[in-house]
N, C-alpha and C. Protein backbone atom coordinates (compact mmCIF):
# COMPACT_ATOMS: atom_id res chain seq x y z
N MET A 1 32.17 265.57 -34.20
CA MET A 1 32.40 265.67 -32.79
C MET A 1 31.80 264.43 -32.11
N LYS A 2 32.56 263.86 -31.19
CA LYS A 2 32.14 262.65 -30.48
C LYS A 2 31.41 263.03 -29.19
N ARG A 3 30.27 262.38 -28.98
CA ARG A 3 29.51 262.62 -27.76
C ARG A 3 30.08 261.79 -26.62
N SER A 4 30.06 262.36 -25.46
CA SER A 4 30.53 261.65 -24.28
C SER A 4 29.48 260.63 -23.84
N THR A 5 29.93 259.43 -23.50
CA THR A 5 29.01 258.40 -23.02
C THR A 5 28.97 258.37 -21.51
N LYS A 6 29.67 259.29 -20.85
CA LYS A 6 29.67 259.34 -19.40
C LYS A 6 28.33 259.87 -18.91
N ARG A 7 27.83 259.22 -17.86
CA ARG A 7 26.60 259.68 -17.23
C ARG A 7 26.95 260.60 -16.08
N ILE A 8 26.18 261.62 -15.92
CA ILE A 8 26.39 262.52 -14.81
C ILE A 8 25.72 261.93 -13.58
N MET A 9 26.50 261.85 -12.51
CA MET A 9 25.97 261.31 -11.26
C MET A 9 25.28 262.44 -10.50
N LYS A 10 23.97 262.31 -10.35
CA LYS A 10 23.21 263.35 -9.68
C LYS A 10 23.01 263.04 -8.20
N THR A 11 23.05 261.77 -7.86
CA THR A 11 22.81 261.34 -6.49
C THR A 11 23.55 260.03 -6.23
N TYR A 12 23.67 259.67 -4.97
CA TYR A 12 24.31 258.40 -4.61
C TYR A 12 23.56 257.22 -5.20
N LYS A 13 22.29 257.38 -5.48
CA LYS A 13 21.50 256.29 -6.06
C LYS A 13 21.96 255.92 -7.47
N ASP A 14 22.73 256.79 -8.10
CA ASP A 14 23.29 256.51 -9.43
C ASP A 14 24.54 255.63 -9.35
N LEU A 15 25.10 255.49 -8.18
CA LEU A 15 26.31 254.68 -8.01
C LEU A 15 25.97 253.19 -8.13
N ILE A 16 26.66 252.49 -8.99
CA ILE A 16 26.43 251.05 -9.17
C ILE A 16 26.70 250.29 -7.88
N VAL A 17 27.74 250.68 -7.16
CA VAL A 17 28.07 250.00 -5.91
C VAL A 17 26.93 250.15 -4.90
N TRP A 18 26.29 251.31 -4.85
CA TRP A 18 25.15 251.50 -3.96
C TRP A 18 23.98 250.61 -4.39
N GLN A 19 23.70 250.56 -5.69
CA GLN A 19 22.61 249.75 -6.20
C GLN A 19 22.82 248.27 -5.89
N LYS A 20 24.04 247.79 -6.10
CA LYS A 20 24.34 246.38 -5.83
C LYS A 20 24.27 246.07 -4.34
N SER A 21 24.68 247.01 -3.53
CA SER A 21 24.62 246.77 -2.08
C SER A 21 23.18 246.76 -1.58
N ILE A 22 22.31 247.53 -2.19
CA ILE A 22 20.88 247.48 -1.86
C ILE A 22 20.32 246.10 -2.21
N ASP A 23 20.71 245.58 -3.37
CA ASP A 23 20.27 244.23 -3.76
C ASP A 23 20.76 243.19 -2.76
N LEU A 24 21.99 243.35 -2.28
CA LEU A 24 22.55 242.43 -1.29
C LEU A 24 21.72 242.45 -0.01
N VAL A 25 21.38 243.63 0.47
CA VAL A 25 20.58 243.75 1.69
C VAL A 25 19.23 243.06 1.51
N THR A 26 18.61 243.27 0.36
CA THR A 26 17.31 242.65 0.08
C THR A 26 17.43 241.13 0.12
N ASP A 27 18.47 240.59 -0.48
CA ASP A 27 18.70 239.14 -0.46
C ASP A 27 18.94 238.63 0.96
N ILE A 28 19.70 239.37 1.73
CA ILE A 28 20.00 238.97 3.11
C ILE A 28 18.72 238.89 3.94
N TYR A 29 17.87 239.87 3.80
CA TYR A 29 16.62 239.84 4.56
C TYR A 29 15.77 238.62 4.19
N SER A 30 15.76 238.25 2.93
CA SER A 30 15.01 237.07 2.50
C SER A 30 15.64 235.79 3.05
N MET A 31 16.95 235.69 2.94
CA MET A 31 17.64 234.46 3.32
C MET A 31 17.71 234.24 4.82
N THR A 32 17.75 235.31 5.59
CA THR A 32 17.85 235.13 7.04
C THR A 32 16.51 234.78 7.69
N GLN A 33 15.44 234.81 6.94
CA GLN A 33 14.15 234.41 7.49
C GLN A 33 14.15 232.96 7.95
N SER A 34 15.00 232.16 7.34
CA SER A 34 15.06 230.74 7.70
C SER A 34 16.08 230.45 8.81
N PHE A 35 16.75 231.48 9.31
CA PHE A 35 17.72 231.30 10.39
C PHE A 35 16.97 230.91 11.67
N PRO A 36 17.64 230.20 12.57
CA PRO A 36 16.98 229.80 13.83
C PRO A 36 16.48 231.01 14.63
N ALA A 37 15.35 230.83 15.28
CA ALA A 37 14.75 231.92 16.06
C ALA A 37 15.66 232.38 17.18
N ASP A 38 16.43 231.46 17.76
CA ASP A 38 17.31 231.85 18.87
C ASP A 38 18.50 232.69 18.40
N GLU A 39 18.66 232.86 17.10
CA GLU A 39 19.71 233.71 16.55
C GLU A 39 19.19 235.08 16.13
N LYS A 40 17.92 235.34 16.40
CA LYS A 40 17.30 236.59 15.98
C LYS A 40 18.09 237.81 16.44
N TYR A 41 18.59 237.78 17.67
CA TYR A 41 19.34 238.92 18.20
C TYR A 41 20.84 238.67 18.20
N GLY A 42 21.24 237.57 17.61
CA GLY A 42 22.66 237.24 17.52
C GLY A 42 23.18 237.45 16.11
N LEU A 43 23.57 236.35 15.49
CA LEU A 43 24.18 236.41 14.17
C LEU A 43 23.23 236.98 13.11
N THR A 44 21.97 236.65 13.20
CA THR A 44 21.00 237.18 12.23
C THR A 44 20.99 238.70 12.25
N SER A 45 20.92 239.26 13.44
CA SER A 45 20.93 240.71 13.58
C SER A 45 22.24 241.31 13.09
N GLN A 46 23.36 240.68 13.41
CA GLN A 46 24.66 241.19 13.00
C GLN A 46 24.81 241.19 11.48
N ILE A 47 24.36 240.12 10.84
CA ILE A 47 24.45 240.03 9.37
C ILE A 47 23.60 241.13 8.73
N LYS A 48 22.40 241.30 9.24
CA LYS A 48 21.52 242.33 8.70
C LYS A 48 22.13 243.71 8.89
N ARG A 49 22.63 243.99 10.09
CA ARG A 49 23.19 245.31 10.39
C ARG A 49 24.42 245.61 9.56
N SER A 50 25.30 244.62 9.40
CA SER A 50 26.52 244.89 8.61
C SER A 50 26.18 245.08 7.14
N SER A 51 25.19 244.34 6.63
CA SER A 51 24.82 244.51 5.22
C SER A 51 24.15 245.86 4.99
N ILE A 52 23.29 246.27 5.92
CA ILE A 52 22.62 247.57 5.81
C ILE A 52 23.63 248.71 5.88
N SER A 53 24.67 248.51 6.65
CA SER A 53 25.68 249.55 6.84
C SER A 53 26.41 249.89 5.54
N ILE A 54 26.50 248.95 4.63
CA ILE A 54 27.24 249.19 3.38
C ILE A 54 26.58 250.31 2.56
N PRO A 55 25.33 250.15 2.10
CA PRO A 55 24.74 251.25 1.31
C PRO A 55 24.47 252.50 2.15
N SER A 56 24.21 252.31 3.44
CA SER A 56 23.93 253.46 4.30
C SER A 56 25.14 254.38 4.40
N ASN A 57 26.32 253.81 4.57
CA ASN A 57 27.53 254.63 4.67
C ASN A 57 27.90 255.27 3.33
N ILE A 58 27.62 254.58 2.25
CA ILE A 58 27.85 255.17 0.92
C ILE A 58 26.97 256.40 0.76
N ALA A 59 25.70 256.26 1.14
CA ALA A 59 24.75 257.38 1.02
C ALA A 59 25.13 258.53 1.96
N GLU A 60 25.46 258.19 3.21
CA GLU A 60 25.79 259.24 4.17
C GLU A 60 27.05 259.99 3.74
N GLY A 61 28.05 259.25 3.28
CA GLY A 61 29.28 259.89 2.82
C GLY A 61 29.03 260.81 1.64
N TYR A 62 28.16 260.39 0.75
CA TYR A 62 27.82 261.21 -0.41
C TYR A 62 27.21 262.55 0.02
N GLY A 63 26.47 262.51 1.11
CA GLY A 63 25.81 263.71 1.60
C GLY A 63 26.72 264.67 2.34
N ARG A 64 27.94 264.26 2.59
CA ARG A 64 28.89 265.14 3.28
C ARG A 64 29.42 266.19 2.31
N ASN A 65 29.87 267.28 2.84
CA ASN A 65 30.32 268.40 2.00
C ASN A 65 31.79 268.32 1.62
N ALA A 66 32.50 267.38 2.17
CA ALA A 66 33.94 267.33 1.92
C ALA A 66 34.35 265.97 1.34
N THR A 67 35.22 266.00 0.38
CA THR A 67 35.71 264.77 -0.25
C THR A 67 36.36 263.87 0.79
N LYS A 68 37.10 264.47 1.71
CA LYS A 68 37.77 263.69 2.76
C LYS A 68 36.75 262.90 3.59
N ASP A 69 35.63 263.53 3.94
CA ASP A 69 34.57 262.85 4.68
C ASP A 69 33.96 261.72 3.85
N TYR A 70 33.72 262.00 2.58
CA TYR A 70 33.14 261.00 1.69
C TYR A 70 34.03 259.77 1.61
N ILE A 71 35.31 259.99 1.46
CA ILE A 71 36.26 258.88 1.39
C ILE A 71 36.24 258.08 2.69
N ARG A 72 36.16 258.77 3.81
CA ARG A 72 36.11 258.09 5.11
C ARG A 72 34.88 257.20 5.20
N TYR A 73 33.73 257.68 4.76
CA TYR A 73 32.51 256.87 4.81
C TYR A 73 32.58 255.69 3.83
N LEU A 74 33.26 255.86 2.72
CA LEU A 74 33.46 254.73 1.80
C LEU A 74 34.35 253.68 2.45
N GLN A 75 35.33 254.12 3.23
CA GLN A 75 36.19 253.18 3.96
C GLN A 75 35.38 252.43 5.02
N ILE A 76 34.49 253.11 5.67
CA ILE A 76 33.62 252.47 6.67
C ILE A 76 32.72 251.45 5.99
N ALA A 77 32.18 251.79 4.83
CA ALA A 77 31.34 250.86 4.07
C ALA A 77 32.14 249.61 3.69
N CYS A 78 33.39 249.81 3.32
CA CYS A 78 34.26 248.69 2.97
C CYS A 78 34.50 247.80 4.20
N GLY A 79 34.70 248.42 5.34
CA GLY A 79 34.86 247.66 6.58
C GLY A 79 33.62 246.85 6.90
N SER A 80 32.46 247.43 6.67
CA SER A 80 31.20 246.71 6.89
C SER A 80 31.07 245.53 5.94
N LEU A 81 31.58 245.69 4.74
CA LEU A 81 31.57 244.60 3.77
C LEU A 81 32.41 243.44 4.27
N PHE A 82 33.59 243.73 4.81
CA PHE A 82 34.45 242.67 5.35
C PHE A 82 33.81 242.00 6.57
N GLU A 83 33.15 242.81 7.39
CA GLU A 83 32.43 242.28 8.55
C GLU A 83 31.32 241.34 8.08
N PHE A 84 30.58 241.76 7.07
CA PHE A 84 29.51 240.94 6.50
C PHE A 84 30.06 239.62 5.97
N GLN A 85 31.16 239.67 5.23
CA GLN A 85 31.75 238.45 4.68
C GLN A 85 32.14 237.48 5.79
N THR A 86 32.69 237.99 6.87
CA THR A 86 33.07 237.15 8.01
C THR A 86 31.85 236.49 8.62
N GLN A 87 30.80 237.25 8.82
CA GLN A 87 29.57 236.72 9.40
C GLN A 87 28.91 235.69 8.48
N LEU A 88 29.03 235.90 7.20
CA LEU A 88 28.50 234.95 6.23
C LEU A 88 29.22 233.60 6.34
N ILE A 89 30.52 233.63 6.50
CA ILE A 89 31.30 232.40 6.66
C ILE A 89 30.88 231.69 7.94
N ILE A 90 30.68 232.44 9.02
CA ILE A 90 30.23 231.85 10.28
C ILE A 90 28.87 231.19 10.11
N ALA A 91 27.94 231.88 9.44
CA ALA A 91 26.60 231.32 9.21
C ALA A 91 26.68 230.03 8.39
N GLU A 92 27.56 230.01 7.41
CA GLU A 92 27.73 228.81 6.59
C GLU A 92 28.34 227.69 7.42
N ASN A 93 29.33 228.00 8.24
CA ASN A 93 29.96 226.99 9.10
C ASN A 93 28.97 226.39 10.09
N LEU A 94 27.99 227.18 10.53
CA LEU A 94 26.98 226.70 11.47
C LEU A 94 25.78 226.09 10.76
N SER A 95 25.89 225.91 9.45
CA SER A 95 24.82 225.32 8.61
C SER A 95 23.52 226.13 8.67
N MET A 96 23.66 227.42 8.84
CA MET A 96 22.48 228.28 8.83
C MET A 96 22.12 228.69 7.41
N LEU A 97 23.07 228.57 6.50
CA LEU A 97 22.86 228.85 5.08
C LEU A 97 23.12 227.59 4.29
N ASN A 98 22.29 227.31 3.30
CA ASN A 98 22.59 226.17 2.44
C ASN A 98 23.69 226.57 1.46
N GLN A 99 24.29 225.60 0.82
CA GLN A 99 25.44 225.84 -0.06
C GLN A 99 25.11 226.80 -1.19
N ASN A 100 23.93 226.66 -1.79
CA ASN A 100 23.56 227.54 -2.91
C ASN A 100 23.43 229.00 -2.47
N ASP A 101 22.78 229.22 -1.32
CA ASP A 101 22.65 230.58 -0.81
C ASP A 101 24.02 231.15 -0.45
N PHE A 102 24.85 230.32 0.18
CA PHE A 102 26.18 230.77 0.57
C PHE A 102 26.99 231.18 -0.66
N LYS A 103 26.97 230.35 -1.69
CA LYS A 103 27.72 230.66 -2.91
C LYS A 103 27.20 231.93 -3.56
N SER A 104 25.88 232.06 -3.60
CA SER A 104 25.27 233.25 -4.20
C SER A 104 25.67 234.51 -3.44
N LEU A 105 25.58 234.45 -2.12
CA LEU A 105 25.93 235.61 -1.30
C LEU A 105 27.43 235.88 -1.28
N LYS A 106 28.21 234.84 -1.41
CA LYS A 106 29.67 235.00 -1.39
C LYS A 106 30.15 235.76 -2.63
N ILE A 107 29.48 235.56 -3.75
CA ILE A 107 29.84 236.22 -5.00
C ILE A 107 29.48 237.71 -4.97
N LYS A 108 28.36 238.04 -4.36
CA LYS A 108 27.88 239.43 -4.38
C LYS A 108 28.84 240.43 -3.74
N PRO A 109 29.40 240.13 -2.57
CA PRO A 109 30.37 241.10 -2.02
C PRO A 109 31.60 241.28 -2.92
N ALA A 110 32.01 240.23 -3.57
CA ALA A 110 33.15 240.34 -4.50
C ALA A 110 32.81 241.30 -5.63
N LYS A 111 31.57 241.26 -6.09
CA LYS A 111 31.15 242.15 -7.17
C LYS A 111 31.09 243.61 -6.69
N LEU A 112 30.80 243.80 -5.41
CA LEU A 112 30.78 245.17 -4.87
C LEU A 112 32.17 245.80 -4.93
N THR A 113 33.19 245.00 -4.71
CA THR A 113 34.54 245.55 -4.73
C THR A 113 35.01 245.88 -6.13
N GLU A 114 34.30 245.40 -7.16
CA GLU A 114 34.66 245.69 -8.55
C GLU A 114 34.18 247.08 -8.98
N CYS A 115 33.25 247.65 -8.24
CA CYS A 115 32.66 248.94 -8.63
C CYS A 115 33.60 250.09 -8.40
């Protein structure tokens, strides 16, 4: 008899997409420390909020009692990912991110969509 290699998901924290999005938020907080002070309540805040929204909506949707609600929250998380990607491009265009950070962060959202 063959044993199943599937892991049972006990919580949203077991989701790879949630784990990767948490890593993304952590990186964003580190990288935005070097952003101009006058952007603290502008683009810096928007980038942080959209990145935080990704794992937050995954977790909130998981906590809902209906599959339909969960799917809706996953769609919202996906929208936040697109918002984040747009803001990242703006930050790079304004030279707020160096090329290495931009490339690193640009790859991470693409990996989230693979989950």
